[in-house]
Each structure stands twice: as structure tokens, then as C-alpha cells.
Amino acid sequence: MLSIENLTFSYGEHEVLRGLSAEIRSGAVTTLMGANGCGKTTLLSLLTKNLKPDGGSISLDGEDLGKIPLKDFAKRAAIVHQKNAAPDDLTVEKLVSYGRLPYHSIFRVSLDEKNQKQVERAMHLTGLTELRDRRIGTLSGGQRQRAFIAMALAQNTKLLFLDEPTTSLDVRYQVEILRLVERLNREQGMTIVMVLHDINQALAYSDEIIGLKDGRVAVQGAPEDVIDSESLQTLYGIRLPVFRAEGRLCVMAV
């Protein structure tokens, strides 16, 4: 479990998080949502140790996040950033193998059997086994995103952070990625924390929503319990109709 207590953070004089507190439970898919500038990306950066809080605390399974060395943290949590870069001539398998760096020296030339097994597992889970020899530069947007998710999975952690994993993908690949996230949670028992802009995707693929407004938690809970026209007005400053279609909660965003 991730516990966040009275978290504050500023960029210079601009205060982004203002005493934010929340609980992110293990075994769930939790989505951070809210309008641009509400603090989603900053919060994710703090949770992934890319930033240090000005005040307050974050604990992972009862341990102060700030005291966990980066290499140890990489054995407990994996991260897929919004913008990922890799040389175009790198193969899929080689990229995925970089997920094993927390477990061995960067000077080791080849992986041992145990590490290679995790690479194979990650490619299998993401449907990339047959593409292992393809160059990153030849992949479609969806395949490329799956490759970076596979690299994260090769770390063999129980916690996965995703920063806007569907950005810049067409709708087919967006659904493909989110169904993969769902499978990783349901079948592999992974705890997923992600940032999404699409409200309907957040409602469809999340067990829990954390909605931010002006650097604080405005709503938190199961989508069915916390998302309605009033809460959307609070989060986004616009009143949108909320309804059910084929058993799913939906928002009319037109």
C-alpha cells in the first residue's frame, strides 16, 4: 500500500500540491484524474521518486519512500513514462532486457538464465515474443508502448506506474494497452497506478479513482461511488451527463 500524508510540493513560488493525503491500496488499479495543472503528473513523479516532496510523507508498505535506495525501489516498482525514448536500431528483446538492470551490473554483457526467464515472461505477457528481433524504429505506436511496458514488467515488481499510457495512440491501441493493464492486474496480481486524461477510459478500467483539484484530493473511491455530474463539475469545471451503457458508467463529453 502507498500512504500519502499531507504532501506539499512547489515549483519555485508556484504551489502545486497543498497538503494532499490519500491511500492507494494494493492489488487495485488506481487512476489519477483531473484537469490540466491539478497536480497529477507531479504526484506521480513524487510517488516514483523522480521528485522529492517539500513536506509531508509517502510510505510504501509502511516504509518511508525517501529512505528506499533507487536500486531497491526499482525491484519493487516499475515505471512507464509518458514519453519514452530508445535508439531505433535497438531490438525489442534488448530493450526489454534493460528491465533487469536493477538485478545485475550494467557491465555484464549477457543475462544469466534467471534474468533471461524474466525477459521471456515479459515479452510473453505483452504479446511481443514473435517481435523479439524487430527494431524499435519499425514498430507501430501500440507495439512500441507494449515494448516499454514489457521492459517495466521485466523488473518483476508487484507495483506498476503508468503516465498517460494511451497518449498519441489511436483508439484500437488505446483499448489494447488498457486491456493489457487490466490483465496484468487481474491475472498477475499487479498494483497499477496510472494517469489518464480520458474520463471514460478511467471509469472503465479503474477499481479506484483519485480525482485532484488545485493540488488536493477532491474525490476518491470506486468510479460508481464518486463520479457523477457534480464531481465532474468540481474536477473539470464543466457539468457533463453521466449514464450507463451496456452496464458501464459513461460520460457524455460532447
C-alpha atoms as a PDB file:
ATOM      1  CA  MET A   1       0.000   0.000   0.000  1.00  0.00           C
ATOM      2  CA  LEU A   2       1.061   3.562  -0.714  1.00  0.00           C
ATOM      3  CA  SER A   3       0.188   6.040   2.005  1.00  0.00           C
ATOM      4  CA  ILE A   4       0.392   9.750   1.276  1.00  0.00           C
ATOM      5  CA  GLU A   5       0.179  12.185   4.179  1.00  0.00           C
ATOM      6  CA  ASN A   6      -0.084  15.979   3.943  1.00  0.00           C
ATOM      7  CA  LEU A   7       2.086  16.133   0.816  1.00  0.00           C
ATOM      8  CA  THR A   8       3.262  19.539  -0.390  1.00  0.00           C
ATOM      9  CA  PHE A   9       5.330  20.491  -3.418  1.00  0.00           C
ATOM     10  CA  SER A  10       6.139  23.716  -5.252  1.00  0.00           C
ATOM     11  CA  TYR A  11       7.978  24.695  -8.410  1.00  0.00           C
ATOM     12  CA  GLY A  12       9.621  27.867  -7.188  1.00  0.00           C
ATOM     13  CA  GLU A  13       6.811  30.083  -5.917  1.00  0.00           C
ATOM     14  CA  HIS A  14       4.133  28.037  -7.680  1.00  0.00           C
ATOM     15  CA  GLU A  15       2.500  25.689  -5.184  1.00  0.00           C
ATOM     16  CA  VAL A  16       1.309  22.538  -6.927  1.00  0.00           C
ATOM     17  CA  LEU A  17       0.361  20.157  -4.090  1.00  0.00           C
ATOM     18  CA  ARG A  18      -1.255  21.609  -0.989  1.00  0.00           C
ATOM     19  CA  GLY A  19      -1.401  19.115   1.864  1.00  0.00           C
ATOM     20  CA  LEU A  20      -2.514  16.172  -0.266  1.00  0.00           C
ATOM     21  CA  SER A  21      -3.391  12.935   1.553  1.00  0.00           C
ATOM     22  CA  ALA A  22      -4.552   9.640   0.040  1.00  0.00           C
ATOM     23  CA  GLU A  23      -4.284   5.863   0.283  1.00  0.00           C
ATOM     24  CA  ILE A  24      -3.500   3.682  -2.730  1.00  0.00           C
ATOM     25  CA  ARG A  25      -4.411   0.119  -1.923  1.00  0.00           C
ATOM     26  CA  SER A  26      -2.514  -2.935  -3.031  1.00  0.00           C
ATOM     27  CA  GLY A  27      -3.999  -5.145  -5.724  1.00  0.00           C
ATOM     28  CA  ALA A  28      -6.106  -2.414  -7.323  1.00  0.00           C
ATOM     29  CA  VAL A  29      -5.995  -0.328 -10.487  1.00  0.00           C
ATOM     30  CA  THR A  30      -5.977   3.283  -9.313  1.00  0.00           C
ATOM     31  CA  THR A  31      -6.255   6.170 -11.758  1.00  0.00           C
ATOM     32  CA  LEU A  32      -5.240   9.755 -11.074  1.00  0.00           C
ATOM     33  CA  MET A  33      -7.505  12.151 -12.944  1.00  0.00           C
ATOM     34  CA  GLY A  34      -8.377  15.828 -13.051  1.00  0.00           C
ATOM     35  CA  ALA A  35      -7.945  18.942 -15.157  1.00  0.00           C
ATOM     36  CA  ASN A  36      -4.606  20.066 -16.562  1.00  0.00           C
ATOM     37  CA  GLY A  37      -2.475  21.619 -13.843  1.00  0.00           C
ATOM     38  CA  CYS A  38      -4.258  19.882 -10.966  1.00  0.00           C
ATOM     39  CA  GLY A  39      -1.087  18.044  -9.851  1.00  0.00           C
ATOM     40  CA  LYS A  40      -1.487  14.550 -11.379  1.00  0.00           C
ATOM     41  CA  THR A  41       1.908  14.334 -13.050  1.00  0.00           C
ATOM     42  CA  THR A  42       3.653  15.974 -10.104  1.00  0.00           C
ATOM     43  CA  LEU A  43       2.075  13.472  -7.717  1.00  0.00           C
ATOM     44  CA  LEU A  44       3.140  10.567  -9.948  1.00  0.00           C
ATOM     45  CA  SER A  45       6.686  11.968 -10.083  1.00  0.00           C
ATOM     46  CA  LEU A  46       6.764  12.098  -6.288  1.00  0.00           C
ATOM     47  CA  LEU A  47       5.417   8.558  -5.990  1.00  0.00           C
ATOM     48  CA  THR A  48       8.127   7.315  -8.358  1.00  0.00           C
ATOM     49  CA  LYS A  49      10.984   9.169  -6.632  1.00  0.00           C
ATOM     50  CA  ASN A  50      11.609  11.455  -9.597  1.00  0.00           C
ATOM     51  CA  LEU A  51      10.860  14.403  -7.305  1.00  0.00           C
ATOM     52  CA  LYS A  52      11.250  14.940  -3.574  1.00  0.00           C
ATOM     53  CA  PRO A  53       8.351  16.456  -1.590  1.00  0.00           C
ATOM     54  CA  ASP A  54       8.722  19.798   0.159  1.00  0.00           C
ATOM     55  CA  GLY A  55       6.681  18.492   3.050  1.00  0.00           C
ATOM     56  CA  GLY A  56       4.589  15.554   4.176  1.00  0.00           C
ATOM     57  CA  SER A  57       5.415  11.913   3.613  1.00  0.00           C
ATOM     58  CA  ILE A  58       4.952   8.936   1.302  1.00  0.00           C
ATOM     59  CA  SER A  59       5.299   5.373   2.548  1.00  0.00           C
ATOM     60  CA  LEU A  60       5.394   2.124   0.597  1.00  0.00           C
ATOM     61  CA  ASP A  61       4.166  -0.808   2.649  1.00  0.00           C
ATOM     62  CA  GLY A  62       4.968   1.141   5.795  1.00  0.00           C
ATOM     63  CA  GLU A  63       8.482   2.183   4.732  1.00  0.00           C
ATOM     64  CA  ASP A  64       9.423   5.805   4.117  1.00  0.00           C
ATOM     65  CA  LEU A  65       9.757   6.146   0.340  1.00  0.00           C
ATOM     66  CA  GLY A  66      12.520   8.701   0.683  1.00  0.00           C
ATOM     67  CA  LYS A  67      14.711   6.209   2.514  1.00  0.00           C
ATOM     68  CA  ILE A  68      14.427   3.450  -0.083  1.00  0.00           C
ATOM     69  CA  PRO A  69      17.532   3.422  -2.365  1.00  0.00           C
ATOM     70  CA  LEU A  70      16.708   3.812  -6.067  1.00  0.00           C
ATOM     71  CA  LYS A  71      18.036   0.360  -6.983  1.00  0.00           C
ATOM     72  CA  ASP A  72      15.919  -1.257  -4.259  1.00  0.00           C
ATOM     73  CA  PHE A  73      12.908   0.785  -5.331  1.00  0.00           C
ATOM     74  CA  ALA A  74      13.373  -0.484  -8.896  1.00  0.00           C
ATOM     75  CA  LYS A  75      12.969  -4.030  -7.560  1.00  0.00           C
ATOM     76  CA  ARG A  76       9.635  -3.081  -6.000  1.00  0.00           C
ATOM     77  CA  ALA A  77       8.120  -0.677  -8.522  1.00  0.00           C
ATOM     78  CA  ALA A  78       8.330  -0.234 -12.299  1.00  0.00           C
ATOM     79  CA  ILE A  79       7.569   2.929 -14.245  1.00  0.00           C
ATOM     80  CA  VAL A  80       6.476   3.614 -17.829  1.00  0.00           C
ATOM     81  CA  HIS A  81       6.792   7.311 -18.568  1.00  0.00           C
ATOM     82  CA  GLN A  82       4.596   9.316 -20.897  1.00  0.00           C
ATOM     83  CA  LYS A  83       7.464   9.928 -23.302  1.00  0.00           C
ATOM     84  CA  ASN A  84       9.881   7.038 -23.798  1.00  0.00           C
ATOM     85  CA  ALA A  85      12.995   7.106 -25.922  1.00  0.00           C
ATOM     86  CA  ALA A  86      15.199   4.330 -27.284  1.00  0.00           C
ATOM     87  CA  PRO A  87      17.545   4.012 -30.282  1.00  0.00           C
ATOM     88  CA  ASP A  88      15.597   2.993 -33.379  1.00  0.00           C
ATOM     89  CA  ASP A  89      18.018   0.152 -34.136  1.00  0.00           C
ATOM     90  CA  LEU A  90      17.612  -1.461 -30.705  1.00  0.00           C
ATOM     91  CA  THR A  91      15.775  -4.794 -30.796  1.00  0.00           C
ATOM     92  CA  VAL A  92      12.667  -5.437 -28.741  1.00  0.00           C
ATOM     93  CA  GLU A  93      14.415  -8.162 -26.752  1.00  0.00           C
ATOM     94  CA  LYS A  94      17.365  -5.914 -25.953  1.00  0.00           C
ATOM     95  CA  LEU A  95      15.090  -3.109 -24.780  1.00  0.00           C
ATOM     96  CA  VAL A  96      13.126  -5.482 -22.567  1.00  0.00           C
ATOM     97  CA  SER A  97      16.356  -6.861 -21.107  1.00  0.00           C
ATOM     98  CA  TYR A  98      17.187  -3.407 -19.738  1.00  0.00           C
ATOM     99  CA  GLY A  99      14.435  -4.031 -17.208  1.00  0.00           C
ATOM    100  CA  ARG A 100      16.811  -6.449 -15.492  1.00  0.00           C
ATOM    101  CA  LEU A 101      19.442  -3.778 -14.733  1.00  0.00           C
ATOM    102  CA  PRO A 102      18.397  -3.456 -11.059  1.00  0.00           C
ATOM    103  CA  TYR A 103      19.397  -7.095 -10.590  1.00  0.00           C
ATOM    104  CA  HIS A 104      22.873  -7.081 -12.103  1.00  0.00           C
ATOM    105  CA  SER A 105      25.785  -4.860 -13.005  1.00  0.00           C
ATOM    106  CA  ILE A 106      25.468  -2.644 -16.067  1.00  0.00           C
ATOM    107  CA  PHE A 107      28.848  -4.015 -17.133  1.00  0.00           C
ATOM    108  CA  ARG A 108      27.559  -7.562 -17.523  1.00  0.00           C
ATOM    109  CA  VAL A 109      27.455  -8.444 -21.206  1.00  0.00           C
ATOM    110  CA  SER A 110      24.789 -11.160 -21.187  1.00  0.00           C
ATOM    111  CA  LEU A 111      21.910 -12.243 -18.985  1.00  0.00           C
ATOM    112  CA  ASP A 112      22.014 -15.402 -16.940  1.00  0.00           C
ATOM    113  CA  GLU A 113      19.226 -17.965 -17.110  1.00  0.00           C
ATOM    114  CA  LYS A 114      17.199 -16.425 -14.266  1.00  0.00           C
ATOM    115  CA  ASN A 115      17.241 -12.937 -15.777  1.00  0.00           C
ATOM    116  CA  GLN A 116      16.530 -14.218 -19.284  1.00  0.00           C
ATOM    117  CA  LYS A 117      13.495 -16.051 -17.925  1.00  0.00           C
ATOM    118  CA  GLN A 118      12.051 -12.742 -16.734  1.00  0.00           C
ATOM    119  CA  VAL A 119      12.684 -11.180 -20.137  1.00  0.00           C
ATOM    120  CA  GLU A 120      10.870 -14.075 -21.817  1.00  0.00           C
ATOM    121  CA  ARG A 121       7.986 -13.736 -19.354  1.00  0.00           C
ATOM    122  CA  ALA A 122       7.652 -10.007 -20.007  1.00  0.00           C
ATOM    123  CA  MET A 123       7.588 -10.462 -23.781  1.00  0.00           C
ATOM    124  CA  HIS A 124       5.025 -13.246 -23.460  1.00  0.00           C
ATOM    125  CA  LEU A 125       2.726 -11.171 -21.235  1.00  0.00           C
ATOM    126  CA  THR A 126       2.791  -8.284 -23.702  1.00  0.00           C
ATOM    127  CA  GLY A 127       2.471 -10.407 -26.837  1.00  0.00           C
ATOM    128  CA  LEU A 128       5.912  -9.476 -28.139  1.00  0.00           C
ATOM    129  CA  THR A 129       7.654 -12.852 -28.294  1.00  0.00           C
ATOM    130  CA  GLU A 130       7.362 -13.080 -32.081  1.00  0.00           C
ATOM    131  CA  LEU A 131       8.621  -9.492 -32.410  1.00  0.00           C
ATOM    132  CA  ARG A 132      11.717 -10.014 -30.267  1.00  0.00           C
ATOM    133  CA  ASP A 133      14.138  -9.373 -33.161  1.00  0.00           C
ATOM    134  CA  ARG A 134      12.278  -6.368 -34.564  1.00  0.00           C
ATOM    135  CA  ARG A 135      13.940  -2.976 -34.310  1.00  0.00           C
ATOM    136  CA  ILE A 136      12.185  -0.398 -32.146  1.00  0.00           C
ATOM    137  CA  GLY A 137      12.103   2.034 -35.057  1.00  0.00           C
ATOM    138  CA  THR A 138       9.958  -0.370 -37.129  1.00  0.00           C
ATOM    139  CA  LEU A 139       7.208  -0.818 -34.518  1.00  0.00           C
ATOM    140  CA  SER A 140       3.742   0.710 -34.566  1.00  0.00           C
ATOM    141  CA  GLY A 141       2.789   3.084 -31.756  1.00  0.00           C
ATOM    142  CA  GLY A 142       0.926   0.355 -29.887  1.00  0.00           C
ATOM    143  CA  GLN A 143       3.727  -2.179 -30.290  1.00  0.00           C
ATOM    144  CA  ARG A 144       6.261   0.375 -29.115  1.00  0.00           C
ATOM    145  CA  GLN A 145       4.236   1.136 -25.993  1.00  0.00           C
ATOM    146  CA  ARG A 146       3.921  -2.576 -25.253  1.00  0.00           C
ATOM    147  CA  ALA A 147       7.700  -2.887 -25.570  1.00  0.00           C
ATOM    148  CA  PHE A 148       8.267  -0.253 -22.898  1.00  0.00           C
ATOM    149  CA  ILE A 149       5.646  -1.891 -20.683  1.00  0.00           C
ATOM    150  CA  ALA A 150       7.465  -5.202 -21.202  1.00  0.00           C
ATOM    151  CA  MET A 151      10.725  -3.583 -20.105  1.00  0.00           C
ATOM    152  CA  ALA A 152       8.956  -2.479 -16.916  1.00  0.00           C
ATOM    153  CA  LEU A 153       7.493  -5.960 -16.415  1.00  0.00           C
ATOM    154  CA  ALA A 154      10.956  -7.488 -16.720  1.00  0.00           C
ATOM    155  CA  GLN A 155      11.730  -5.824 -13.380  1.00  0.00           C
ATOM    156  CA  ASN A 156       9.301  -8.391 -11.916  1.00  0.00           C
ATOM    157  CA  THR A 157       7.673  -5.984  -9.483  1.00  0.00           C
ATOM    158  CA  LYS A 158       4.188  -6.007  -7.998  1.00  0.00           C
ATOM    159  CA  LEU A 159       3.724  -2.256  -8.497  1.00  0.00           C
ATOM    160  CA  LEU A 160       3.491  -0.564 -11.895  1.00  0.00           C
ATOM    161  CA  PHE A 161       3.193   3.171 -12.575  1.00  0.00           C
ATOM    162  CA  LEU A 162       1.927   4.362 -15.970  1.00  0.00           C
ATOM    163  CA  ASP A 163       1.937   8.013 -17.009  1.00  0.00           C
ATOM    164  CA  GLU A 164      -0.739   8.547 -19.668  1.00  0.00           C
ATOM    165  CA  PRO A 165      -0.102   5.176 -21.368  1.00  0.00           C
ATOM    166  CA  THR A 166      -2.626   5.792 -24.174  1.00  0.00           C
ATOM    167  CA  THR A 167      -1.439   9.247 -25.255  1.00  0.00           C
ATOM    168  CA  SER A 168      -0.862   9.600 -29.031  1.00  0.00           C
ATOM    169  CA  LEU A 169      -2.274   6.142 -29.787  1.00  0.00           C
ATOM    170  CA  ASP A 170      -5.302   5.535 -31.984  1.00  0.00           C
ATOM    171  CA  VAL A 171      -8.368   4.055 -30.334  1.00  0.00           C
ATOM    172  CA  ARG A 172      -7.531   0.427 -31.204  1.00  0.00           C
ATOM    173  CA  TYR A 173      -4.155   0.617 -29.491  1.00  0.00           C
ATOM    174  CA  GLN A 174      -5.567   2.602 -26.576  1.00  0.00           C
ATOM    175  CA  VAL A 175      -8.005  -0.221 -25.818  1.00  0.00           C
ATOM    176  CA  GLU A 176      -5.275  -2.815 -26.406  1.00  0.00           C
ATOM    177  CA  ILE A 177      -2.999  -1.162 -23.831  1.00  0.00           C
ATOM    178  CA  LEU A 178      -5.766  -0.745 -21.261  1.00  0.00           C
ATOM    179  CA  ARG A 179      -6.868  -4.373 -21.656  1.00  0.00           C
ATOM    180  CA  LEU A 180      -3.250  -5.365 -21.086  1.00  0.00           C
ATOM    181  CA  VAL A 181      -3.232  -3.268 -17.900  1.00  0.00           C
ATOM    182  CA  GLU A 182      -6.430  -4.997 -16.811  1.00  0.00           C
ATOM    183  CA  ARG A 183      -4.925  -8.451 -17.415  1.00  0.00           C
ATOM    184  CA  LEU A 184      -1.748  -7.599 -15.520  1.00  0.00           C
ATOM    185  CA  ASN A 185      -3.854  -6.609 -12.556  1.00  0.00           C
ATOM    186  CA  ARG A 186      -6.349  -9.472 -12.653  1.00  0.00           C
ATOM    187  CA  GLU A 187      -4.050 -12.324 -13.709  1.00  0.00           C
ATOM    188  CA  GLN A 188      -0.658 -11.251 -12.348  1.00  0.00           C
ATOM    189  CA  GLY A 189      -1.880  -9.508  -9.196  1.00  0.00           C
ATOM    190  CA  MET A 190      -0.093  -6.257 -10.021  1.00  0.00           C
ATOM    191  CA  THR A 191      -0.986  -2.998  -8.335  1.00  0.00           C
ATOM    192  CA  ILE A 192      -1.400  -0.378 -11.059  1.00  0.00           C
ATOM    193  CA  VAL A 193      -1.268   3.392 -10.612  1.00  0.00           C
ATOM    194  CA  MET A 194      -1.837   5.388 -13.772  1.00  0.00           C
ATOM    195  CA  VAL A 195      -2.637   8.851 -15.044  1.00  0.00           C
ATOM    196  CA  LEU A 196      -5.376   9.082 -17.674  1.00  0.00           C
ATOM    197  CA  HIS A 197      -6.973  12.058 -19.408  1.00  0.00           C
ATOM    198  CA  ASP A 198      -9.866  10.156 -20.969  1.00  0.00           C
ATOM    199  CA  ILE A 199     -12.652  10.066 -18.378  1.00  0.00           C
ATOM    200  CA  ASN A 200     -14.475   7.110 -19.932  1.00  0.00           C
ATOM    201  CA  GLN A 201     -11.299   5.037 -20.027  1.00  0.00           C
ATOM    202  CA  ALA A 202     -10.667   5.866 -16.384  1.00  0.00           C
ATOM    203  CA  LEU A 203     -14.179   4.766 -15.463  1.00  0.00           C
ATOM    204  CA  ALA A 204     -13.968   1.541 -17.466  1.00  0.00           C
ATOM    205  CA  TYR A 205     -10.554   0.308 -16.342  1.00  0.00           C
ATOM    206  CA  SER A 206     -10.152   1.551 -12.767  1.00  0.00           C
ATOM    207  CA  ASP A 207     -11.029  -0.002  -9.438  1.00  0.00           C
ATOM    208  CA  GLU A 208     -10.461   3.332  -7.756  1.00  0.00           C
ATOM    209  CA  ILE A 209     -10.348   6.955  -8.830  1.00  0.00           C
ATOM    210  CA  ILE A 210      -8.319   9.705  -7.189  1.00  0.00           C
ATOM    211  CA  GLY A 211      -9.579  12.999  -8.556  1.00  0.00           C
ATOM    212  CA  LEU A 212      -7.373  16.019  -7.939  1.00  0.00           C
ATOM    213  CA  LYS A 213      -8.372  19.665  -7.794  1.00  0.00           C
ATOM    214  CA  ASP A 214      -5.932  22.508  -7.051  1.00  0.00           C
ATOM    215  CA  GLY A 215      -3.333  20.183  -5.564  1.00  0.00           C
ATOM    216  CA  ARG A 216      -5.644  18.309  -3.231  1.00  0.00           C
ATOM    217  CA  VAL A 217      -7.791  15.181  -3.397  1.00  0.00           C
ATOM    218  CA  ALA A 218     -11.324  16.214  -4.323  1.00  0.00           C
ATOM    219  CA  VAL A 219     -12.773  12.720  -4.748  1.00  0.00           C
ATOM    220  CA  GLN A 220     -11.530   9.207  -4.056  1.00  0.00           C
ATOM    221  CA  GLY A 221     -13.277   5.877  -4.328  1.00  0.00           C
ATOM    222  CA  ALA A 222     -14.790   3.395  -6.765  1.00  0.00           C
ATOM    223  CA  PRO A 223     -15.912   5.104 -10.003  1.00  0.00           C
ATOM    224  CA  GLU A 224     -19.563   4.205  -9.368  1.00  0.00           C
ATOM    225  CA  ASP A 225     -19.392   5.812  -5.934  1.00  0.00           C
ATOM    226  CA  VAL A 226     -17.598   9.072  -6.686  1.00  0.00           C
ATOM    227  CA  ILE A 227     -18.140  10.028 -10.327  1.00  0.00           C
ATOM    228  CA  ASP A 228     -21.289  11.930 -11.216  1.00  0.00           C
ATOM    229  CA  SER A 229     -22.145  15.261 -12.823  1.00  0.00           C
ATOM    230  CA  GLU A 230     -21.404  17.142  -9.614  1.00  0.00           C
ATOM    231  CA  SER A 231     -17.954  15.611  -9.067  1.00  0.00           C
ATOM    232  CA  LEU A 232     -17.023  16.205 -12.710  1.00  0.00           C
ATOM    233  CA  GLN A 233     -18.058  19.831 -12.284  1.00  0.00           C
ATOM    234  CA  THR A 234     -15.702  20.006  -9.312  1.00  0.00           C
ATOM    235  CA  LEU A 235     -12.798  18.339 -11.115  1.00  0.00           C
ATOM    236  CA  TYR A 236     -13.075  19.865 -14.576  1.00  0.00           C
ATOM    237  CA  GLY A 237     -15.250  22.946 -14.199  1.00  0.00           C
ATOM    238  CA  ILE A 238     -17.848  21.616 -16.622  1.00  0.00           C
ATOM    239  CA  ARG A 239     -21.091  19.775 -15.998  1.00  0.00           C
ATOM    240  CA  LEU A 240     -21.313  16.568 -18.038  1.00  0.00           C
ATOM    241  CA  PRO A 241     -24.091  13.954 -18.080  1.00  0.00           C
ATOM    242  CA  VAL A 242     -23.184  10.587 -16.556  1.00  0.00           C
ATOM    243  CA  PHE A 243     -25.097   7.483 -17.620  1.00  0.00           C
ATOM    244  CA  ARG A 244     -24.807   3.715 -18.075  1.00  0.00           C
ATOM    245  CA  ALA A 245     -24.336   1.976 -21.418  1.00  0.00           C
ATOM    246  CA  GLU A 246     -24.064  -1.818 -21.634  1.00  0.00           C
ATOM    247  CA  GLY A 247     -23.580  -1.924 -17.868  1.00  0.00           C
ATOM    248  CA  ARG A 248     -20.687   0.563 -17.849  1.00  0.00           C
ATOM    249  CA  LEU A 249     -20.584   4.022 -16.356  1.00  0.00           C
ATOM    250  CA  CYS A 250     -20.042   6.583 -19.119  1.00  0.00           C
ATOM    251  CA  VAL A 251     -19.711  10.327 -19.554  1.00  0.00           C
ATOM    252  CA  MET A 252     -21.171  12.297 -22.435  1.00  0.00           C
ATOM    253  CA  ALA A 253     -18.206  14.525 -23.243  1.00  0.00           C
ATOM    254  CA  VAL A 254     -19.632  16.366 -26.270  1.00  0.00           C
END
